[in-house]
Amino acid sequence: MEFVLIGIIVMMMTYFVKRNKEKELLNNQNKDEFIVRLPKLYGWIGLICLILFLTLFIGMILYPDDTGDFWVGACFFGFVSLGGSLANASIAWKINVNINNGFFIYRTFFWRTIQIRYSDIQNVRSTQFFIILKYRNKNFFIDKTAYNVELFNSMLEKWKIEGQTTM
């Protein structure tokens, strides 16, 4: 029964991500600027996991029962870190693109902003889940589930970046 419930929840989340992605793509199709960003649902999932596992971690510390040991606490702390990372990634990570400029602005997971010229991109590879840009011996990963990634891919094709494989 639990597997059916988890399957239904995953299917609903996938549906909402896909629906919102298509809606945002249609809204930005005829504009000069667009933003490539992760779905907001990722942030909500990360925030819920963060709160849930942080509450369990604090409860484990406040009310020990001698059955939990160091590894249980380490696992809870790991899940808290993963939830916080997912929430931070959905807020921090984004790419600002202006169609008329020869560059885009990439903001990393750690809130660092980098201006990347299309002419400076050495290579673009596509995997099952990511588009990987190679720029000055650094790799930048773009999630294929991000909003407006199709428009960004068309910008890469427009600037004729070598080594690109389409989605």
Protein backbone atom coordinates (compact mmCIF):
# COMPACT_ATOMS: atom_id res chain seq x y z
CA MET A 1 0.00 0.00 0.00
CA GLU A 2 2.83 2.39 0.83
CA PHE A 3 4.40 1.83 -2.58
CA VAL A 4 1.14 2.73 -4.31
CA LEU A 5 0.86 5.93 -2.26
CA ILE A 6 4.47 6.88 -2.96
CA GLY A 7 3.96 6.13 -6.67
CA ILE A 8 0.87 8.35 -6.80
CA ILE A 9 2.73 11.21 -5.06
CA VAL A 10 5.69 10.93 -7.46
CA MET A 11 3.35 10.87 -10.48
CA MET A 12 1.51 13.97 -9.23
CA MET A 13 4.77 15.86 -8.64
CA THR A 14 6.02 14.91 -12.11
CA TYR A 15 2.74 16.09 -13.64
CA PHE A 16 2.86 19.48 -11.88
CA VAL A 17 6.52 20.06 -12.82
CA LYS A 18 5.81 19.23 -16.47
CA ARG A 19 2.65 21.35 -16.60
CA ASN A 20 4.31 24.41 -15.06
CA LYS A 21 7.38 23.97 -17.27
CA GLU A 22 5.24 24.01 -20.42
CA LYS A 23 3.27 27.03 -19.20
CA GLU A 24 6.41 29.04 -18.44
CA LEU A 25 7.95 28.06 -21.78
CA LEU A 26 4.89 29.41 -23.61
CA ASN A 27 4.97 32.64 -21.58
CA ASN A 28 8.64 33.30 -22.42
CA GLN A 29 8.69 32.22 -26.06
CA ASN A 30 8.31 35.72 -27.58
CA LYS A 31 10.27 37.72 -25.00
CA ASP A 32 13.83 39.04 -25.24
CA GLU A 33 14.77 37.83 -21.75
CA PHE A 34 14.12 34.61 -19.90
CA ILE A 35 15.40 32.82 -16.83
CA VAL A 36 16.39 29.17 -16.68
CA ARG A 37 15.66 27.94 -13.15
CA LEU A 38 14.70 24.83 -11.25
CA PRO A 39 11.03 24.12 -10.53
CA LYS A 40 9.72 25.62 -7.28
CA LEU A 41 8.44 22.19 -6.34
CA TYR A 42 12.06 21.15 -5.72
CA GLY A 43 12.35 23.90 -3.12
CA TRP A 44 9.15 22.83 -1.37
CA ILE A 45 10.26 19.20 -1.28
CA GLY A 46 13.64 20.25 0.12
CA LEU A 47 12.01 22.49 2.73
CA ILE A 48 9.61 19.75 3.84
CA CYS A 49 12.46 17.22 4.13
CA LEU A 50 14.56 19.77 6.00
CA ILE A 51 11.84 20.48 8.56
CA LEU A 52 10.83 16.83 8.95
CA PHE A 53 14.30 15.41 9.46
CA LEU A 54 15.47 18.35 11.56
CA THR A 55 12.51 17.78 13.89
CA LEU A 56 13.33 14.06 14.11
CA PHE A 57 17.03 14.84 14.68
CA ILE A 58 16.25 17.27 17.51
CA GLY A 59 13.78 14.79 19.00
CA MET A 60 16.43 12.09 18.88
CA ILE A 61 18.86 14.34 20.76
CA LEU A 62 16.34 15.53 23.37
CA TYR A 63 14.75 12.14 24.05
CA PRO A 64 17.41 9.44 23.75
CA ASP A 65 16.27 5.85 24.21
CA ASP A 66 19.58 4.00 23.96
CA THR A 67 18.57 2.34 20.68
CA GLY A 68 19.87 5.10 18.44
CA ASP A 69 23.55 5.43 18.05
CA PHE A 70 25.93 7.68 16.19
CA TRP A 71 24.96 6.31 12.76
CA VAL A 72 21.28 7.12 13.15
CA GLY A 73 22.16 10.70 14.06
CA ALA A 74 24.57 10.87 11.12
CA CYS A 75 21.83 9.66 8.75
CA PHE A 76 19.35 12.24 10.06
CA PHE A 77 21.97 14.96 9.71
CA GLY A 78 22.66 13.78 6.14
CA PHE A 79 18.97 13.98 5.23
CA VAL A 80 18.73 17.45 6.81
CA SER A 81 21.71 18.52 4.69
CA LEU A 82 20.18 17.08 1.52
CA GLY A 83 16.87 18.83 2.15
CA GLY A 84 18.62 22.13 2.79
CA SER A 85 20.74 21.69 -0.33
CA LEU A 86 17.70 21.01 -2.50
CA ALA A 87 15.87 24.04 -1.10
CA ASN A 88 18.95 26.24 -1.62
CA ALA A 89 19.49 24.97 -5.17
CA SER A 90 15.96 25.82 -6.22
CA ILE A 91 16.38 29.36 -4.90
CA ALA A 92 19.99 30.15 -5.79
CA TRP A 93 20.66 28.38 -9.09
CA LYS A 94 19.53 30.21 -12.23
CA ILE A 95 20.64 31.43 -15.63
CA ASN A 96 19.61 34.90 -16.88
CA VAL A 97 19.55 35.03 -20.68
CA ASN A 98 19.00 38.03 -22.93
CA ILE A 99 18.50 36.98 -26.55
CA ASN A 100 20.22 40.10 -27.93
CA ASN A 101 23.42 39.78 -25.86
CA GLY A 102 26.39 37.54 -26.60
CA PHE A 103 26.51 36.28 -23.03
CA PHE A 104 24.38 34.89 -20.23
CA ILE A 105 24.64 35.23 -16.45
CA TYR A 106 24.99 31.99 -14.52
CA ARG A 107 24.34 31.95 -10.76
CA THR A 108 25.71 28.89 -8.99
CA PHE A 109 24.49 26.84 -6.05
CA PHE A 110 26.80 28.88 -3.81
CA TRP A 111 25.27 32.20 -5.01
CA ARG A 112 28.31 33.10 -7.11
CA THR A 113 27.44 35.01 -10.30
CA ILE A 114 29.44 34.38 -13.49
CA GLN A 115 29.03 36.12 -16.84
CA ILE A 116 29.71 33.58 -19.61
CA ARG A 117 30.13 34.59 -23.25
CA TYR A 118 28.84 32.12 -25.80
CA SER A 119 32.12 32.44 -27.71
CA ASP A 120 34.10 31.33 -24.61
CA ILE A 121 32.22 28.04 -24.19
CA GLN A 122 34.57 25.26 -25.22
CA ASN A 123 32.16 22.35 -25.37
CA VAL A 124 28.59 21.35 -24.61
CA ARG A 125 27.59 17.78 -23.83
CA SER A 126 24.19 16.34 -23.13
CA THR A 127 23.57 13.42 -20.81
CA GLN A 128 20.34 11.83 -19.71
CA PHE A 129 19.76 14.34 -16.90
CA PHE A 130 22.09 17.28 -17.54
CA ILE A 131 23.49 19.61 -20.17
CA ILE A 132 27.17 20.10 -19.33
CA LEU A 133 28.89 23.32 -20.41
CA LYS A 134 32.68 23.41 -20.41
CA TYR A 135 33.95 26.94 -19.81
CA ARG A 136 37.55 27.76 -18.86
CA ASN A 137 38.27 24.23 -17.59
CA LYS A 138 35.15 24.29 -15.41
CA ASN A 139 32.02 22.27 -15.96
CA PHE A 140 28.60 23.81 -15.39
CA PHE A 141 25.63 21.48 -15.06
CA ILE A 142 22.17 22.48 -16.25
CA ASP A 143 19.32 20.24 -15.14
CA LYS A 144 17.09 19.17 -18.04
CA THR A 145 14.00 19.52 -15.85
CA ALA A 146 14.69 23.25 -15.38
CA TYR A 147 12.20 25.75 -16.72
CA ASN A 148 13.10 27.30 -20.11
CA VAL A 149 15.97 24.89 -20.75
CA GLU A 150 14.60 24.39 -24.28
CA LEU A 151 14.96 28.12 -24.99
CA PHE A 152 18.49 28.06 -23.59
CA ASN A 153 19.33 25.09 -25.80
CA SER A 154 18.07 27.01 -28.82
CA MET A 155 20.32 29.94 -27.82
CA LEU A 156 23.30 27.57 -27.79
CA GLU A 157 22.32 26.34 -31.25
CA LYS A 158 21.91 29.94 -32.44
CA TRP A 159 25.46 30.78 -31.34
CA LYS A 160 26.68 27.52 -32.94
CA ILE A 161 28.44 26.10 -29.93
CA GLU A 162 30.52 23.10 -31.04
CA GLY A 163 30.11 19.65 -29.59
CA GLN A 164 26.50 20.20 -28.66
CA THR A 165 24.11 17.33 -28.71
CA THR A 166 20.48 18.31 -28.53
CA MET A 167 18.06 17.10 -25.93
